[in-house]
Structures are given as structure tokens and as C-alpha cells.
Protein backbone atom coordinates (compact mmCIF):
# COMPACT_ATOMS: atom_id res chain seq x y z
CA UNK A 1 -62.18 -163.51 -74.00
CA UNK A 2 -62.98 -161.00 -71.25
CA UNK A 3 -60.72 -160.84 -68.22
CA UNK A 4 -61.73 -161.18 -64.58
CA UNK A 5 -59.76 -160.33 -61.46
CA UNK A 6 -59.51 -163.03 -58.76
CA UNK A 7 -59.95 -161.46 -55.32
CA UNK A 8 -59.74 -163.19 -51.91
CA UNK A 9 -61.17 -161.32 -48.93
CA UNK A 10 -60.30 -164.10 -46.48
CA UNK A 11 -62.64 -164.23 -43.47
CA UNK A 12 -64.93 -161.20 -43.45
CA UNK A 13 -68.14 -160.15 -41.68
CA UNK A 14 -71.13 -160.55 -43.98
CA UNK A 15 -72.44 -157.00 -43.74
CA UNK A 16 -68.98 -155.58 -44.41
CA UNK A 17 -68.66 -157.76 -47.50
CA UNK A 18 -72.12 -156.69 -48.65
CA UNK A 19 -71.12 -153.02 -48.39
CA UNK A 20 -67.95 -153.76 -50.36
CA UNK A 21 -69.92 -155.60 -53.05
CA UNK A 22 -72.30 -152.70 -53.52
CA UNK A 23 -69.39 -150.26 -53.75
CA UNK A 24 -67.69 -152.39 -56.40
CA UNK A 25 -70.94 -152.67 -58.38
CA UNK A 26 -71.15 -148.86 -58.44
CA UNK A 27 -67.54 -148.65 -59.62
CA UNK A 28 -68.18 -151.28 -62.29
CA UNK A 29 -71.17 -149.26 -63.51
CA UNK A 30 -68.94 -146.20 -63.76
CA UNK A 31 -66.22 -148.13 -65.61
CA UNK A 32 -63.77 -147.64 -62.74
CA UNK A 33 -62.94 -151.34 -62.41
CA UNK A 34 -63.31 -154.58 -64.33
CA UNK A 35 -65.07 -157.85 -63.58
CA UNK A 36 -64.17 -159.56 -60.30
CA UNK A 37 -64.54 -163.05 -58.88
CA UNK A 38 -64.47 -162.51 -55.13
CA UNK A 39 -63.87 -165.33 -52.65
CA UNK A 40 -64.74 -164.97 -48.97
CA UNK A 41 -65.53 -167.01 -45.86
CA UNK A 42 -68.11 -165.55 -43.48
CA UNK A 43 -68.70 -165.92 -39.75
CA UNK A 44 -72.11 -167.47 -38.97
CA UNK A 45 -74.98 -165.61 -40.66
CA UNK A 46 -78.37 -166.30 -42.23
CA UNK A 47 -79.33 -164.30 -45.30
CA UNK A 48 -82.85 -163.71 -46.60
CA UNK A 49 -83.48 -163.37 -50.33
CA UNK A 50 -86.47 -161.80 -52.07
CA UNK A 51 -88.72 -164.88 -52.03
CA UNK A 52 -91.95 -164.19 -50.13
CA UNK A 53 -91.66 -167.28 -47.93
CA UNK A 54 -88.05 -166.56 -46.87
CA UNK A 55 -88.89 -165.11 -43.45
CA UNK A 56 -91.17 -168.06 -42.63
CA UNK A 57 -88.26 -170.44 -43.28
CA UNK A 58 -86.19 -168.95 -40.46
CA UNK A 59 -87.03 -171.37 -37.65
CA UNK A 60 -84.75 -170.71 -34.68
CA UNK A 61 -81.78 -168.48 -35.56
CA UNK A 62 -80.63 -168.16 -31.95
CA UNK A 63 -77.49 -166.03 -31.72
CA UNK A 64 -76.87 -166.04 -35.49
CA UNK A 65 -77.69 -162.72 -37.20
CA UNK A 66 -80.30 -162.63 -39.98
CA UNK A 67 -79.66 -160.19 -42.83
CA UNK A 68 -82.20 -159.26 -45.51
CA UNK A 69 -80.63 -158.73 -48.94
CA UNK A 70 -81.57 -158.10 -52.57
CA UNK A 71 -80.56 -161.40 -54.15
CA UNK A 72 -83.05 -163.90 -55.48
CA UNK A 73 -83.96 -167.01 -53.55
CA UNK A 74 -84.91 -167.96 -50.01
CA UNK A 75 -83.03 -168.13 -46.71
CA UNK A 76 -79.58 -169.70 -46.53
CA UNK A 77 -76.68 -170.05 -44.13
CA UNK A 78 -73.07 -168.90 -44.45
CA UNK A 79 -70.34 -169.85 -42.02
CA UNK A 80 -66.87 -171.28 -41.42
CA UNK A 81 -65.83 -174.11 -43.71
CA UNK A 82 -67.87 -172.73 -46.60
CA UNK A 83 -66.50 -171.02 -49.71
CA UNK A 84 -68.59 -168.08 -50.87
CA UNK A 85 -67.97 -166.64 -54.34
CA UNK A 86 -69.31 -163.29 -55.53
CA UNK A 87 -69.01 -162.81 -59.31
CA UNK A 88 -69.30 -159.11 -60.10
CA UNK A 89 -69.60 -159.22 -63.87
CA UNK A 90 -70.85 -156.82 -66.50
CA UNK A 91 -72.95 -158.93 -68.85
CA UNK A 92 -72.61 -158.02 -72.51
CA UNK A 93 -75.48 -158.28 -75.00
CA UNK A 94 -74.88 -161.97 -75.68
CA UNK A 95 -74.75 -162.82 -71.96
CA UNK A 96 -77.92 -161.16 -70.71
CA UNK A 97 -79.73 -164.28 -69.55
CA UNK A 98 -79.62 -164.61 -65.76
CA UNK A 99 -80.88 -168.20 -65.83
CA UNK A 100 -78.00 -169.09 -68.16
CA UNK A 101 -75.59 -167.26 -65.85
CA UNK A 102 -76.78 -169.43 -62.94
CA UNK A 103 -76.45 -172.59 -65.03
CA UNK A 104 -72.90 -171.58 -65.97
CA UNK A 105 -72.01 -171.11 -62.30
CA UNK A 106 -73.43 -174.55 -61.55
CA UNK A 107 -71.32 -175.98 -64.37
CA UNK A 108 -68.18 -174.45 -62.88
CA UNK A 109 -68.88 -176.00 -59.47
CA UNK A 110 -69.69 -179.40 -60.98
CA UNK A 111 -66.43 -179.44 -62.93
CA UNK A 112 -64.44 -178.33 -59.87
CA UNK A 113 -65.89 -181.14 -57.76
CA UNK A 114 -64.91 -183.70 -60.39
CA UNK A 115 -61.33 -183.26 -59.10
CA UNK A 116 -62.51 -185.07 -55.96
CA UNK A 117 -64.28 -187.84 -57.89
CA UNK A 118 -67.65 -186.41 -56.91
CA UNK A 119 -70.37 -186.95 -59.51
CA UNK A 120 -72.22 -183.77 -58.62
CA UNK A 121 -74.94 -182.41 -60.86
CA UNK A 122 -78.27 -180.63 -61.07
CA UNK A 123 -81.77 -181.49 -59.86
CA UNK A 124 -84.54 -180.63 -62.30
CA UNK A 125 -86.34 -177.43 -61.32
CA UNK A 126 -83.92 -176.67 -58.46
CA UNK A 127 -81.09 -174.17 -58.41
CA UNK A 128 -77.70 -175.20 -57.04
CA UNK A 129 -75.44 -178.24 -57.20
CA UNK A 130 -76.55 -181.60 -55.88
CA UNK A 131 -75.29 -185.12 -55.30
CA UNK A 132 -77.48 -188.17 -54.63
CA UNK A 133 -80.44 -185.91 -53.78
CA UNK A 134 -78.48 -183.76 -51.34
CA UNK A 135 -77.36 -180.17 -51.85
CA UNK A 136 -73.68 -179.21 -51.91
CA UNK A 137 -73.91 -175.63 -53.16
CA UNK A 138 -76.55 -172.90 -53.01
CA UNK A 139 -76.75 -169.80 -55.16
CA UNK A 140 -78.69 -166.62 -55.70
CA UNK A 141 -77.76 -163.48 -57.58
CA UNK A 142 -78.85 -159.89 -58.00
CA UNK A 143 -78.29 -157.72 -61.06
CA UNK A 144 -78.08 -153.94 -61.48
CA UNK A 145 -77.80 -152.53 -64.98
CA UNK A 146 -76.57 -155.96 -66.12
CA UNK A 147 -73.90 -156.17 -63.44
CA UNK A 148 -74.20 -159.30 -61.30
CA UNK A 149 -73.46 -159.61 -57.61
CA UNK A 150 -74.12 -161.99 -54.72
CA UNK A 151 -73.40 -165.51 -55.94
CA UNK A 152 -72.76 -169.01 -54.61
CA UNK A 153 -71.87 -170.89 -51.44
CA UNK A 154 -70.14 -174.27 -51.52
CA UNK A 155 -70.14 -176.35 -48.34
CA UNK A 156 -66.62 -177.75 -48.00
CA UNK A 157 -66.38 -178.82 -44.34
CA UNK A 158 -69.24 -176.69 -43.05
CA UNK A 159 -70.91 -177.50 -39.72
CA UNK A 160 -74.21 -178.68 -41.21
CA UNK A 161 -76.02 -178.47 -37.87
CA UNK A 162 -76.52 -174.73 -38.42
CA UNK A 163 -78.85 -175.52 -41.32
CA UNK A 164 -81.22 -177.08 -38.75
CA UNK A 165 -82.13 -173.56 -37.62
CA UNK A 166 -83.73 -172.79 -41.00
CA UNK A 167 -85.43 -174.44 -43.94
CA UNK A 168 -82.52 -173.78 -46.34
CA UNK A 169 -83.84 -172.54 -49.68
CA UNK A 170 -87.24 -173.81 -48.52
CA UNK A 171 -86.06 -177.40 -48.05
CA UNK A 172 -85.62 -179.53 -44.94
CA UNK A 173 -82.18 -179.08 -43.37
CA UNK A 174 -81.51 -182.79 -43.98
CA UNK A 175 -81.07 -182.04 -47.68
CA UNK A 176 -77.78 -180.21 -47.07
CA UNK A 177 -74.40 -181.91 -47.34
CA UNK A 178 -70.76 -180.92 -47.77
CA UNK A 179 -67.80 -181.95 -49.90
CA UNK A 180 -66.10 -183.40 -46.82
CA UNK A 181 -69.18 -185.43 -45.90
CA UNK A 182 -69.28 -186.96 -49.38
CA UNK A 183 -65.65 -188.10 -49.65
CA UNK A 184 -63.62 -190.64 -47.69
CA UNK A 185 -60.30 -188.89 -47.17
CA UNK A 186 -58.48 -186.53 -44.83
CA UNK A 187 -59.83 -182.99 -44.38
CA UNK A 188 -59.66 -180.91 -47.54
CA UNK A 189 -57.62 -177.71 -47.55
CA UNK A 190 -59.96 -174.84 -48.42
CA UNK A 191 -57.26 -173.31 -50.61
CA UNK A 192 -57.18 -176.39 -52.85
CA UNK A 193 -60.94 -176.41 -53.33
CA UNK A 194 -60.93 -172.66 -53.97
CA UNK A 195 -58.24 -173.02 -56.63
CA UNK A 196 -60.26 -175.58 -58.58
CA UNK A 197 -63.42 -173.54 -58.12
CA UNK A 198 -61.84 -170.35 -59.43
CA UNK A 199 -60.36 -172.14 -62.44
CA UNK A 200 -63.61 -173.74 -63.52
CA UNK A 201 -65.84 -170.76 -62.77
CA UNK A 202 -63.64 -168.59 -64.96
CA UNK A 203 -64.02 -171.13 -67.77
CA UNK A 204 -67.78 -171.57 -67.37
CA UNK A 205 -68.33 -167.79 -67.22
CA UNK A 206 -66.15 -167.44 -70.34
CA UNK A 207 -63.57 -165.22 -68.70
CA UNK A 208 -59.83 -165.55 -68.16
CA UNK A 209 -58.06 -164.61 -64.92
CA UNK A 210 -56.47 -161.20 -65.21
CA UNK A 211 -52.68 -161.23 -65.13
CA UNK A 212 -51.15 -159.25 -62.27
């Protein structure tokens, strides 16, 4: 099984993390590093994917920056209380199916949320992870020479009111929810959720964490 390095950037400005991602993709192309599963939490930002309608779904961003990027999908929000994961992976011949890669990421999130007795799952024809018709996690990736980047965002205890400034992924903001909103217990430590998420994403992407 291929190895993957678990990296935690902590809280980092979105555009800085984007520059870092692109640099790592170039290094991965040159064989100067291995696969990485990067965790980060961003200050408030809206990101625009390649979908034609993305700009129209930005309603009232206010003081939140809007950044156009190369991933697939529509507009989404990143902010405090949300875990963002960027899998930078070189896909081998048997892995070169981006739809399958997205489904595998969804599977990792679903299995991680089972630790909190959440019966999360998929909605037919919709990307991401859902529960009772509401969206817990969004995702969109880009790929250069079969190296993936961008990734997923899981709402843990995110301030969902920020989604009201956009139509997230083309949907009404009311569709968005968070792990905290769906469980009846004390606030969840982000580190605990991240640990489960890393474990199950490694398994679903068929990679093992690299030993230090």
C-alpha cells in the first residue's frame, strides 16, 4: 500500500495555502516529495470553482474575500470551525478515475462521522456528504498530470450564517449543517474529529500514514 504524509498547517490564510498547494504539486510532479494529506483551518473566505454559474451564486459577500480557483464545482465557504483537507496524491494507472476518487473521499468522511453516531451518507447526483437532506461536507478537486489537489471541507462547529451570503454549491444556504448541529453533546474538539477523518481518509484512499 502506498504511503501518505499527514500534514497539519493549523490556521492559515486561504491564498497562502493555495500557493503552498501549487508548490507541493510541482514538487510531486518532479518526484521531490510523496503524497500528502494536508489539514488546515481557514479564516473566512469564499472560493469560486470552475462551474459557469459560480459567480452568480455569490449573493452578498460583504467583507469576506472571494477567490477564484481551478477546482471543480461552484462557490463555497471556508472559515473557523471547519476542517479542510487537501489530498495531494499521484494517482497510479488503476486509480485514474476522478469520480471514484471523490466517492472514496466521501466514504472516508462517512466512516469518520460514524464515530459520533451520525448516519451520514450520499445524495444521488450530488457531491459531498449529507444527513437527512442537509449537507455536512463539500468537496471539489483539481488534477494536474494525475496529481490531485484542493479537496474537502467538513463543517464541525462552523458558523453556518456565513453560508447565507452565497448559494453554496448552487443550493439554498438552508441546506448546510454541521457535525455540532446534528449531535446532542458538548462541543467537539476539532483535533478529535480530525484524527478520525485522517484515519478513514487514508483507508478509503488506500494509503497508509507515513511513519516519521
